[in-house]
Amino acid sequence: MRHARGFACLCLTGALGLGAFTASASNLTLSCELLSSGPSLSCPATAPMYTVPGQYNYQNQFSTPVGSTPIAGSSIYGGPANGFLGSAGFIDDYFFQIATAQADVVSATIDLGGVFSIGNLFARIYSLTSNPNGLVTTTPAGSVDYGVITPSGPVTLVQINPVTLSSGSYVLEISGTDTGTQGGSYTGTLNLTAVPLPGAFALLLTGLAAAGLYAVAVRRSPEAALAPG
């Protein structure tokens, strides 16, 4: 069973196509977890700081029956495009605190013939400040960035396209249900990059730099040296 799980994770890494789990990337630590069965992980009071820019990988795997039955009262809202996705067997929260950054997320799971599979995989980012308990089983408060679900054969991708996050603490929530006869797994990457400067501001900086270079050139010219004080 361990070899099959390892194969599943390897397949997921290839499906992402992002060079995940390489030496140049760091890991995103699981902060808390709610399971339909088995021990859950309590949420901490604060989020750890992550550096911008950075690539942060995450993954988790489940052995049936863990995460295979509905969490009581859960009804995951997937945003206007997806509506309510139904109950979840697991809800994994990854807390992160950052300076202002642009963030994008891609998560993936693969169905290995029903032996290892995750159903209803979903991802969303919301503010930890607006949701101080961290784990949300229905609809988060405040602004939420929702994933886009793309099934492709045995692989399901859930992507959060680049969004700008202001300085603060956030929750990347991954939810789903273990539907495999022996379990299931998912993997993903959170990419954080500096927010690009607005076009007009960038042009202003370019203009100021050009003006500064011109002033230096004038001061150094022979005509400037001979000019009366």
Protein backbone atom coordinates (compact mmCIF):
# COMPACT_ATOMS: atom_id res chain seq x y z
CA MET A 1 0.00 0.00 0.00
CA ARG A 2 2.90 2.36 0.75
CA HIS A 3 4.31 1.85 -2.77
CA ALA A 4 0.93 2.65 -4.32
CA ARG A 5 0.67 5.86 -2.31
CA GLY A 6 4.16 6.88 -3.36
CA PHE A 7 3.23 6.24 -6.99
CA ALA A 8 0.12 8.36 -6.57
CA CYS A 9 2.16 11.28 -5.21
CA LEU A 10 4.68 10.90 -8.05
CA CYS A 11 1.88 10.98 -10.63
CA LEU A 12 0.38 14.08 -8.99
CA THR A 13 3.72 15.89 -9.10
CA GLY A 14 3.94 15.20 -12.81
CA ALA A 15 0.35 16.32 -13.31
CA LEU A 16 1.08 19.68 -11.73
CA GLY A 17 3.97 20.27 -14.12
CA LEU A 18 5.35 22.99 -11.86
CA GLY A 19 8.56 21.40 -10.62
CA ALA A 20 6.94 20.83 -7.25
CA PHE A 21 8.90 19.25 -4.43
CA THR A 22 12.26 20.37 -5.79
CA ALA A 23 15.21 21.57 -3.74
CA SER A 24 14.47 25.19 -4.72
CA ALA A 25 11.00 25.10 -3.16
CA SER A 26 9.89 25.09 0.47
CA ASN A 27 6.98 23.36 2.16
CA LEU A 28 3.70 24.85 3.32
CA THR A 29 2.96 23.42 6.76
CA LEU A 30 -0.47 21.97 7.55
CA SER A 31 -1.85 24.15 10.35
CA CYS A 32 -5.05 22.30 11.25
CA GLU A 33 -7.35 19.63 9.94
CA LEU A 34 -10.93 18.48 10.41
CA LEU A 35 -11.72 14.84 9.59
CA SER A 36 -14.98 12.94 9.46
CA SER A 37 -13.24 10.08 11.28
CA GLY A 38 -9.90 9.78 13.00
CA PRO A 39 -8.01 12.38 15.07
CA SER A 40 -8.25 16.01 13.91
CA LEU A 41 -5.56 18.68 14.25
CA SER A 42 -6.49 21.81 16.23
CA CYS A 43 -5.90 25.25 14.72
CA PRO A 44 -3.17 27.53 16.13
CA ALA A 45 -3.92 31.11 17.13
CA THR A 46 -1.59 32.70 14.58
CA ALA A 47 -0.15 32.08 11.12
CA PRO A 48 3.57 31.56 10.38
CA MET A 49 5.36 34.13 8.20
CA TYR A 50 6.31 33.15 4.65
CA THR A 51 8.77 34.99 2.43
CA VAL A 52 7.79 36.77 -0.79
CA PRO A 53 8.72 35.72 -3.42
CA GLY A 54 8.54 32.00 -2.78
CA GLN A 55 7.19 28.66 -3.97
CA TYR A 56 5.58 26.55 -1.27
CA ASN A 57 4.46 22.95 -1.78
CA TYR A 58 1.91 20.97 0.19
CA GLN A 59 0.43 17.49 0.13
CA ASN A 60 -1.59 15.08 2.20
CA GLN A 61 -2.82 11.50 1.93
CA PHE A 62 -5.55 9.53 3.63
CA SER A 63 -6.13 5.88 4.40
CA THR A 64 -9.72 4.67 4.20
CA PRO A 65 -11.90 5.13 6.24
CA VAL A 66 -10.26 8.43 7.29
CA GLY A 67 -11.97 11.30 5.47
CA SER A 68 -14.36 9.00 3.63
CA THR A 69 -17.64 10.01 5.30
CA PRO A 70 -19.26 13.47 5.50
CA ILE A 71 -18.20 15.89 8.25
CA ALA A 72 -21.36 16.73 10.16
CA GLY A 73 -22.71 20.13 9.11
CA SER A 74 -20.21 20.63 6.30
CA SER A 75 -21.36 22.19 3.02
CA ILE A 76 -18.44 23.68 1.10
CA TYR A 77 -19.30 26.82 -0.86
CA GLY A 78 -17.30 27.00 -4.08
CA GLY A 79 -18.16 30.56 -5.09
CA PRO A 80 -20.66 31.85 -7.68
CA ALA A 81 -19.24 29.66 -10.46
CA ASN A 82 -19.43 26.39 -8.52
CA GLY A 83 -22.16 26.93 -5.94
CA PHE A 84 -22.31 24.56 -2.98
CA LEU A 85 -20.15 21.48 -3.56
CA GLY A 86 -21.72 19.37 -0.83
CA SER A 87 -20.18 17.89 2.28
CA ALA A 88 -16.48 17.15 2.82
CA GLY A 89 -14.74 14.22 4.46
CA PHE A 90 -11.66 16.32 5.24
CA ILE A 91 -10.85 20.01 5.51
CA ASP A 92 -7.15 20.91 5.58
CA ASP A 93 -6.07 24.44 6.50
CA TYR A 94 -2.69 25.93 5.68
CA PHE A 95 -2.16 29.25 7.52
CA PHE A 96 0.26 31.78 6.06
CA GLN A 97 1.21 35.37 6.88
CA ILE A 98 2.74 37.52 4.15
CA ALA A 99 3.63 41.00 3.06
CA THR A 100 1.58 42.27 0.10
CA ALA A 101 1.95 39.73 -2.70
CA GLN A 102 0.43 38.21 -5.79
CA ALA A 103 -0.62 34.61 -5.14
CA ASP A 104 -1.66 31.72 -7.33
CA VAL A 105 -2.45 28.15 -6.33
CA VAL A 106 -2.72 24.85 -8.15
CA SER A 107 -3.88 21.64 -6.45
CA ALA A 108 -4.25 18.21 -8.02
CA THR A 109 -5.48 14.72 -7.32
CA ILE A 110 -5.43 11.58 -9.47
CA ASP A 111 -7.83 8.66 -9.52
CA LEU A 112 -5.88 5.39 -9.67
CA GLY A 113 -8.72 3.17 -10.79
CA GLY A 114 -10.79 3.80 -7.68
CA VAL A 115 -8.10 2.30 -5.43
CA PHE A 116 -6.68 5.74 -4.54
CA SER A 117 -8.91 8.72 -5.26
CA ILE A 118 -10.21 12.00 -3.83
CA GLY A 119 -13.65 13.33 -4.72
CA ASN A 120 -14.82 16.96 -4.69
CA LEU A 121 -11.31 18.35 -4.32
CA PHE A 122 -11.50 22.12 -3.82
CA ALA A 123 -9.34 25.05 -2.79
CA ARG A 124 -10.09 28.56 -1.55
CA ILE A 125 -8.18 31.37 0.16
CA TYR A 126 -9.72 33.57 2.83
CA SER A 127 -8.65 35.95 5.58
CA LEU A 128 -7.70 34.47 8.95
CA THR A 129 -8.60 37.80 10.58
CA SER A 130 -12.17 37.55 9.25
CA ASN A 131 -12.35 33.87 10.23
CA PRO A 132 -10.41 33.69 13.52
CA ASN A 133 -11.31 30.04 14.16
CA GLY A 134 -9.55 29.10 10.93
CA LEU A 135 -11.58 26.09 9.84
CA VAL A 136 -14.75 26.94 7.93
CA THR A 137 -17.18 24.15 7.07
CA THR A 138 -19.59 26.26 4.98
CA THR A 139 -19.02 29.81 3.66
CA PRO A 140 -16.06 31.92 4.89
CA ALA A 141 -16.64 35.49 6.05
CA GLY A 142 -15.06 38.38 4.16
CA SER A 143 -13.36 38.30 0.79
CA VAL A 144 -12.71 34.81 -0.63
CA ASP A 145 -10.72 33.67 -3.66
CA TYR A 146 -12.23 30.48 -5.08
CA GLY A 147 -10.64 27.74 -7.15
CA VAL A 148 -11.46 26.81 -10.73
CA ILE A 149 -12.05 23.07 -11.16
CA THR A 150 -10.62 21.42 -14.29
CA PRO A 151 -11.12 17.67 -14.69
CA SER A 152 -8.81 15.98 -17.22
CA GLY A 153 -9.21 12.22 -17.38
CA PRO A 154 -8.11 10.69 -14.07
CA VAL A 155 -6.58 14.01 -12.94
CA THR A 156 -8.52 16.86 -11.33
CA LEU A 157 -6.87 20.28 -11.11
CA VAL A 158 -8.12 23.11 -8.92
CA GLN A 159 -6.50 26.47 -9.70
CA ILE A 160 -6.72 29.85 -8.03
CA ASN A 161 -5.59 32.30 -10.66
CA PRO A 162 -3.23 35.13 -9.68
CA VAL A 163 -4.82 37.33 -7.02
CA THR A 164 -3.36 40.22 -5.04
CA LEU A 165 -3.29 39.70 -1.28
CA SER A 166 -2.59 42.64 1.00
CA SER A 167 -0.27 42.27 3.97
CA GLY A 168 -1.88 39.97 6.55
CA SER A 169 -2.74 36.41 7.57
CA TYR A 170 -4.60 34.00 5.31
CA VAL A 171 -5.93 30.45 5.12
CA LEU A 172 -5.45 28.20 2.12
CA GLU A 173 -8.16 25.61 2.58
CA ILE A 174 -8.14 22.27 0.75
CA SER A 175 -11.24 20.10 1.10
CA GLY A 176 -12.58 16.89 -0.38
CA THR A 177 -13.57 13.32 0.39
CA ASP A 178 -11.51 10.14 0.37
CA THR A 179 -13.32 7.96 -2.19
CA GLY A 180 -10.68 5.28 -2.84
CA THR A 181 -10.99 1.75 -1.54
CA GLN A 182 -7.56 2.17 0.07
CA GLY A 183 -7.35 5.96 0.36
CA GLY A 184 -6.43 9.03 -1.64
CA SER A 185 -4.02 11.95 -1.83
CA TYR A 186 -3.59 15.45 -3.19
CA THR A 187 -0.66 17.74 -3.80
CA GLY A 188 -0.25 21.40 -4.68
CA THR A 189 1.82 24.56 -4.88
CA LEU A 190 1.32 28.09 -3.56
CA ASN A 191 3.32 30.64 -5.55
CA LEU A 192 3.94 34.07 -4.05
CA THR A 193 5.43 36.89 -6.11
CA ALA A 194 5.91 40.61 -5.62
CA VAL A 195 3.03 42.76 -6.83
CA PRO A 196 4.01 44.38 -10.15
CA LEU A 197 4.08 48.17 -10.24
CA PRO A 198 1.16 49.89 -12.00
CA GLY A 199 2.05 50.92 -15.54
CA ALA A 200 1.77 54.67 -14.93
CA PHE A 201 3.91 54.48 -11.78
CA ALA A 202 6.56 52.45 -13.59
CA LEU A 203 6.65 55.08 -16.36
CA LEU A 204 6.99 57.81 -13.75
CA LEU A 205 9.98 56.04 -12.17
CA THR A 206 11.54 55.59 -15.61
CA GLY A 207 11.07 59.29 -16.31
CA LEU A 208 12.59 60.31 -12.97
CA ALA A 209 15.57 58.04 -13.57
CA ALA A 210 16.11 59.50 -17.04
CA ALA A 211 15.90 63.03 -15.64
CA GLY A 212 18.45 62.15 -12.97
CA LEU A 213 20.87 60.72 -15.53
CA TYR A 214 20.46 63.85 -17.68
CA ALA A 215 21.23 66.10 -14.71
CA VAL A 216 24.38 64.12 -13.93
CA ALA A 217 25.48 64.32 -17.58
CA VAL A 218 24.97 68.10 -17.65
CA ARG A 219 27.01 68.61 -14.46
CA ARG A 220 29.87 66.59 -15.92
CA SER A 221 29.89 68.27 -19.37
CA PRO A 222 32.80 70.66 -20.31
CA GLU A 223 30.35 73.51 -20.91
CA ALA A 224 29.06 73.16 -17.35
CA ALA A 225 32.61 73.17 -15.98
CA LEU A 226 33.45 76.43 -17.80
CA ALA A 227 30.22 78.21 -17.02
CA PRO A 228 30.60 81.18 -14.60
CA GLY A 229 29.50 80.42 -11.02
